Structures are given as C-alpha cells and as structure tokens.
Amino acid sequence: NTLILQPDSSYTSDYDDLAKFDDGTIKSGLEKRDSISWKDKSWVIGVKSGRYSKAFDWNELISKKIIQDSFPSFPYMIVIEKDKASFHAYNRKIEETILHFQKNNDDGLTDTETASKWDVYGRCIDGKYKGKQLKSVDAYQEFWHSWKTFNPFTVR
C-alpha cells in the first residue's frame, strides 16, 4: 500500500538546472565550488572524533586516491572511488592491528601488513582478514568555509 514518489513534470526545467549540482559546476554563486585548494568555496573532507577534527583537501584526495591519518588511538583513511565523486572513510584498525593501505588499479585496496585484498567498501575479499569488514568513519564533504565555521579548531 505504498506510493512511489516521482518528479513533478511541471518542474522538469528546475530539476534539469540542478543536474551538475554534485560536481560543483552550477553557475550559481551559492553552489559553485572553487577548484583551487583551501578557498572558502573549495571542497574538503572533514573527519571528527571526539574533540578532534581535521579537514582534507578534495584535490589532494583526487590526486592521492587514498589519505591515511590518525587521531590519538584512532587510525583512519579516506578513499576515493574511480568516479572521483564517491568517497569512503574507514577505521584502519582491525583485530588490534593498525593496517596501512595502498590503492590498487582495480579500485580495490591492499593492506601492507598481510597483503590482504579489500574492496572499496571496506570488505576483505582475499587474504588473512577475508570476510572482515572495516568500520565506517563519519566523514563529510563540505565547502571549506562551512566546515571551519562549525569546526573552528580543525587541523588541516
């Protein structure tokens, strides 16, 4: 007894105008992003844990494909998918071991400690930890001005 929500055809042109919203190329000053790093309208990935917060430059993530860092007792990584739009953040600790990762050409990951293979969704698909799942970490893609306003003690 449920209904399916469909776009209202009388607003098609309004929806079409937002087609590029997620890649930040809309011409509107409100949504348009700055492609230069650390400008107010530049994209960052923000990560928080307790009283700690850190921001990472979107351009750096695109370039490196993986960023590994840690807060005290909290090792994490941010990984971008091949589409250069989707990202994931995971705790790098599994069974009391802190893992270090390399991004593979197939969009997967390999940990350097055991050479186990992981998919981009944090699941180990081959090796010592096969069947294990990395825990997701809350991470946020935002404009730099927004992140630093709500997280004024952020380290970058």
C-alpha atoms as a PDB file:
ATOM      1  CA  ASN A   1       0.000   0.000   0.000  1.00  0.00           C
ATOM      2  CA  THR A   2       2.845   2.415  -0.689  1.00  0.00           C
ATOM      3  CA  LEU A   3       3.166   5.042  -3.371  1.00  0.00           C
ATOM      4  CA  ILE A   4       6.227   5.801  -5.466  1.00  0.00           C
ATOM      5  CA  LEU A   5       7.400   9.390  -5.487  1.00  0.00           C
ATOM      6  CA  GLN A   6       8.106  10.633  -8.984  1.00  0.00           C
ATOM      7  CA  PRO A   7       9.337  14.030 -10.167  1.00  0.00           C
ATOM      8  CA  ASP A   8       6.600  16.539 -10.874  1.00  0.00           C
ATOM      9  CA  SER A   9       6.782  17.121 -14.644  1.00  0.00           C
ATOM     10  CA  SER A  10       5.820  20.780 -14.213  1.00  0.00           C
ATOM     11  CA  TYR A  11       9.243  21.326 -12.552  1.00  0.00           C
ATOM     12  CA  THR A  12      11.373  19.469 -15.130  1.00  0.00           C
ATOM     13  CA  SER A  13      13.349  22.560 -16.145  1.00  0.00           C
ATOM     14  CA  ASP A  14      14.086  23.338 -12.476  1.00  0.00           C
ATOM     15  CA  TYR A  15      15.399  19.803 -11.939  1.00  0.00           C
ATOM     16  CA  ASP A  16      17.463  19.979 -15.143  1.00  0.00           C
ATOM     17  CA  ASP A  17      19.177  23.118 -13.863  1.00  0.00           C
ATOM     18  CA  LEU A  18      20.475  21.094 -10.884  1.00  0.00           C
ATOM     19  CA  ALA A  19      21.952  18.232 -12.938  1.00  0.00           C
ATOM     20  CA  LYS A  20      25.542  19.267 -12.184  1.00  0.00           C
ATOM     21  CA  PHE A  21      24.956  20.108  -8.505  1.00  0.00           C
ATOM     22  CA  ASP A  22      27.079  17.244  -7.157  1.00  0.00           C
ATOM     23  CA  ASP A  23      30.156  18.105  -9.190  1.00  0.00           C
ATOM     24  CA  GLY A  24      30.051  21.776  -8.151  1.00  0.00           C
ATOM     25  CA  THR A  25      29.818  23.223 -11.636  1.00  0.00           C
ATOM     26  CA  ILE A  26      26.497  25.033 -11.334  1.00  0.00           C
ATOM     27  CA  LYS A  27      26.938  28.691 -12.205  1.00  0.00           C
ATOM     28  CA  SER A  28      25.014  29.891  -9.146  1.00  0.00           C
ATOM     29  CA  GLY A  29      27.210  31.575  -6.544  1.00  0.00           C
ATOM     30  CA  LEU A  30      25.592  29.518  -3.814  1.00  0.00           C
ATOM     31  CA  GLU A  31      26.503  26.102  -5.230  1.00  0.00           C
ATOM     32  CA  LYS A  32      29.554  26.816  -7.428  1.00  0.00           C
ATOM     33  CA  ARG A  33      32.778  25.498  -5.947  1.00  0.00           C
ATOM     34  CA  ASP A  34      36.268  26.908  -6.198  1.00  0.00           C
ATOM     35  CA  SER A  35      38.650  24.365  -7.737  1.00  0.00           C
ATOM     36  CA  ILE A  36      41.661  25.962  -6.003  1.00  0.00           C
ATOM     37  CA  SER A  37      42.518  24.366  -2.645  1.00  0.00           C
ATOM     38  CA  TRP A  38      41.643  25.944   0.693  1.00  0.00           C
ATOM     39  CA  LYS A  39      39.486  28.765  -0.656  1.00  0.00           C
ATOM     40  CA  ASP A  40      36.152  29.417   1.056  1.00  0.00           C
ATOM     41  CA  LYS A  41      34.242  27.580  -1.693  1.00  0.00           C
ATOM     42  CA  SER A  42      36.767  24.718  -2.068  1.00  0.00           C
ATOM     43  CA  TRP A  43      35.615  21.223  -1.220  1.00  0.00           C
ATOM     44  CA  VAL A  44      37.110  19.460   1.781  1.00  0.00           C
ATOM     45  CA  ILE A  45      36.504  16.169   3.526  1.00  0.00           C
ATOM     46  CA  GLY A  46      36.033  16.697   7.248  1.00  0.00           C
ATOM     47  CA  VAL A  47      36.568  13.963   9.833  1.00  0.00           C
ATOM     48  CA  LYS A  48      35.698  14.200  13.536  1.00  0.00           C
ATOM     49  CA  SER A  49      36.364  12.006  16.524  1.00  0.00           C
ATOM     50  CA  GLY A  50      35.553  13.283  19.980  1.00  0.00           C
ATOM     51  CA  ARG A  51      37.216  16.684  20.393  1.00  0.00           C
ATOM     52  CA  TYR A  52      39.411  16.229  17.317  1.00  0.00           C
ATOM     53  CA  SER A  53      38.564  17.400  13.828  1.00  0.00           C
ATOM     54  CA  LYS A  54      40.573  17.546  10.655  1.00  0.00           C
ATOM     55  CA  ALA A  55      39.910  18.662   7.095  1.00  0.00           C
ATOM     56  CA  PHE A  56      41.494  17.266   3.946  1.00  0.00           C
ATOM     57  CA  ASP A  57      41.683  18.975   0.592  1.00  0.00           C
ATOM     58  CA  TRP A  58      39.446  17.363  -2.043  1.00  0.00           C
ATOM     59  CA  ASN A  59      42.094  17.970  -4.733  1.00  0.00           C
ATOM     60  CA  GLU A  60      44.670  16.083  -2.656  1.00  0.00           C
ATOM     61  CA  LEU A  61      42.287  13.148  -2.257  1.00  0.00           C
ATOM     62  CA  ILE A  62      41.676  13.065  -6.017  1.00  0.00           C
ATOM     63  CA  SER A  63      45.431  13.120  -6.626  1.00  0.00           C
ATOM     64  CA  LYS A  64      46.482  10.563  -3.997  1.00  0.00           C
ATOM     65  CA  LYS A  65      43.312   8.394  -4.183  1.00  0.00           C
ATOM     66  CA  ILE A  66      43.830   7.476  -0.515  1.00  0.00           C
ATOM     67  CA  ILE A  67      44.684   9.503   2.585  1.00  0.00           C
ATOM     68  CA  GLN A  68      45.695   7.760   5.803  1.00  0.00           C
ATOM     69  CA  ASP A  69      45.865   9.641   9.077  1.00  0.00           C
ATOM     70  CA  SER A  70      45.015   9.243  12.731  1.00  0.00           C
ATOM     71  CA  PHE A  71      43.743  10.949  15.819  1.00  0.00           C
ATOM     72  CA  PRO A  72      45.075   9.644  19.149  1.00  0.00           C
ATOM     73  CA  SER A  73      44.096   5.950  19.274  1.00  0.00           C
ATOM     74  CA  PHE A  74      42.002   6.321  16.114  1.00  0.00           C
ATOM     75  CA  PRO A  75      43.657   5.472  12.783  1.00  0.00           C
ATOM     76  CA  TYR A  76      41.523   6.150   9.727  1.00  0.00           C
ATOM     77  CA  MET A  77      41.666   6.516   5.970  1.00  0.00           C
ATOM     78  CA  ILE A  78      39.698   8.249   3.274  1.00  0.00           C
ATOM     79  CA  VAL A  79      39.492   6.583  -0.121  1.00  0.00           C
ATOM     80  CA  ILE A  80      38.000   7.857  -3.374  1.00  0.00           C
ATOM     81  CA  GLU A  81      36.337   5.684  -5.986  1.00  0.00           C
ATOM     82  CA  LYS A  82      37.223   5.688  -9.689  1.00  0.00           C
ATOM     83  CA  ASP A  83      34.342   8.067 -10.424  1.00  0.00           C
ATOM     84  CA  LYS A  84      36.241  10.763  -8.451  1.00  0.00           C
ATOM     85  CA  ALA A  85      32.966  11.718  -6.778  1.00  0.00           C
ATOM     86  CA  SER A  86      32.261   8.927  -4.264  1.00  0.00           C
ATOM     87  CA  PHE A  87      34.426   8.515  -1.193  1.00  0.00           C
ATOM     88  CA  HIS A  88      34.559   6.337   1.910  1.00  0.00           C
ATOM     89  CA  ALA A  89      36.202   6.716   5.304  1.00  0.00           C
ATOM     90  CA  TYR A  90      37.200   3.747   7.457  1.00  0.00           C
ATOM     91  CA  ASN A  91      38.879   2.941  10.732  1.00  0.00           C
ATOM     92  CA  ARG A  92      42.170   1.230   9.791  1.00  0.00           C
ATOM     93  CA  LYS A  93      42.280  -0.860  12.975  1.00  0.00           C
ATOM     94  CA  ILE A  94      41.132  -4.458  12.777  1.00  0.00           C
ATOM     95  CA  GLU A  95      41.666  -7.100  15.481  1.00  0.00           C
ATOM     96  CA  GLU A  96      44.019  -4.754  17.391  1.00  0.00           C
ATOM     97  CA  THR A  97      46.213  -4.289  14.296  1.00  0.00           C
ATOM     98  CA  ILE A  98      46.554  -0.915  12.583  1.00  0.00           C
ATOM     99  CA  LEU A  99      46.659  -1.502   8.854  1.00  0.00           C
ATOM    100  CA  HIS A 100      48.250   0.616   6.148  1.00  0.00           C
ATOM    101  CA  PHE A 101      46.779   0.505   2.673  1.00  0.00           C
ATOM    102  CA  GLN A 102      47.683   1.000  -0.945  1.00  0.00           C
ATOM    103  CA  LYS A 103      45.113   1.751  -3.642  1.00  0.00           C
ATOM    104  CA  ASN A 104      45.073  -0.765  -6.491  1.00  0.00           C
ATOM    105  CA  ASN A 105      44.411  -0.012 -10.162  1.00  0.00           C
ATOM    106  CA  ASP A 106      41.161  -2.010  -9.973  1.00  0.00           C
ATOM    107  CA  ASP A 107      39.749   0.431  -7.365  1.00  0.00           C
ATOM    108  CA  GLY A 108      40.456  -2.023  -4.549  1.00  0.00           C
ATOM    109  CA  LEU A 109      42.938  -1.818  -1.688  1.00  0.00           C
ATOM    110  CA  THR A 110      45.766  -3.949  -0.345  1.00  0.00           C
ATOM    111  CA  ASP A 111      46.988  -3.756   3.231  1.00  0.00           C
ATOM    112  CA  THR A 112      50.782  -3.752   3.523  1.00  0.00           C
ATOM    113  CA  GLU A 113      50.846  -5.809   6.716  1.00  0.00           C
ATOM    114  CA  THR A 114      49.267  -9.005   5.330  1.00  0.00           C
ATOM    115  CA  ALA A 115      48.817  -8.289   1.587  1.00  0.00           C
ATOM    116  CA  SER A 116      45.095  -8.935   2.069  1.00  0.00           C
ATOM    117  CA  LYS A 117      42.842  -7.558  -0.680  1.00  0.00           C
ATOM    118  CA  TRP A 118      39.976  -5.228   0.223  1.00  0.00           C
ATOM    119  CA  ASP A 119      37.242  -3.713  -1.878  1.00  0.00           C
ATOM    120  CA  VAL A 120      36.450  -0.015  -1.817  1.00  0.00           C
ATOM    121  CA  TYR A 121      33.527  -0.775   0.541  1.00  0.00           C
ATOM    122  CA  GLY A 122      35.905  -1.895   3.299  1.00  0.00           C
ATOM    123  CA  ARG A 123      35.340  -5.642   2.900  1.00  0.00           C
ATOM    124  CA  CYS A 124      38.296  -8.003   2.846  1.00  0.00           C
ATOM    125  CA  ILE A 125      37.854 -10.236  -0.180  1.00  0.00           C
ATOM    126  CA  ASP A 126      41.101 -12.213  -0.040  1.00  0.00           C
ATOM    127  CA  GLY A 127      43.863 -12.914   2.471  1.00  0.00           C
ATOM    128  CA  LYS A 128      44.251 -13.196   6.227  1.00  0.00           C
ATOM    129  CA  TYR A 129      41.240 -10.997   7.000  1.00  0.00           C
ATOM    130  CA  LYS A 130      38.915 -12.428   4.345  1.00  0.00           C
ATOM    131  CA  GLY A 131      35.317 -11.835   5.399  1.00  0.00           C
ATOM    132  CA  LYS A 132      36.187  -8.978   7.784  1.00  0.00           C
ATOM    133  CA  GLN A 133      34.714  -5.509   7.383  1.00  0.00           C
ATOM    134  CA  LEU A 134      36.417  -2.202   8.214  1.00  0.00           C
ATOM    135  CA  LYS A 135      34.251   0.076  10.353  1.00  0.00           C
ATOM    136  CA  SER A 136      32.970   3.199   8.621  1.00  0.00           C
ATOM    137  CA  VAL A 137      34.017   6.579   9.958  1.00  0.00           C
ATOM    138  CA  ASP A 138      31.807   9.650   9.734  1.00  0.00           C
ATOM    139  CA  ALA A 139      33.293  11.976   7.118  1.00  0.00           C
ATOM    140  CA  TYR A 140      31.701  14.930   5.392  1.00  0.00           C
ATOM    141  CA  GLN A 141      32.235  16.611   2.042  1.00  0.00           C
ATOM    142  CA  GLU A 142      31.655  20.326   2.513  1.00  0.00           C
ATOM    143  CA  PHE A 143      32.809  23.728   1.428  1.00  0.00           C
ATOM    144  CA  TRP A 144      35.873  24.766   3.434  1.00  0.00           C
ATOM    145  CA  HIS A 145      34.101  27.862   4.828  1.00  0.00           C
ATOM    146  CA  SER A 146      31.261  25.709   6.141  1.00  0.00           C
ATOM    147  CA  TRP A 147      33.484  23.077   7.764  1.00  0.00           C
ATOM    148  CA  LYS A 148      35.747  25.618   9.506  1.00  0.00           C
ATOM    149  CA  THR A 149      32.730  27.616  10.740  1.00  0.00           C
ATOM    150  CA  PHE A 150      31.205  24.624  12.523  1.00  0.00           C
ATOM    151  CA  ASN A 151      34.580  23.084  13.461  1.00  0.00           C
ATOM    152  CA  PRO A 152      36.728  26.102  14.361  1.00  0.00           C
ATOM    153  CA  PHE A 153      39.549  24.062  15.919  1.00  0.00           C
ATOM    154  CA  THR A 154      40.059  21.937  12.814  1.00  0.00           C
ATOM    155  CA  VAL A 155      43.571  20.990  11.839  1.00  0.00           C
ATOM    156  CA  ARG A 156      44.360  20.794   8.152  1.00  0.00           C
END
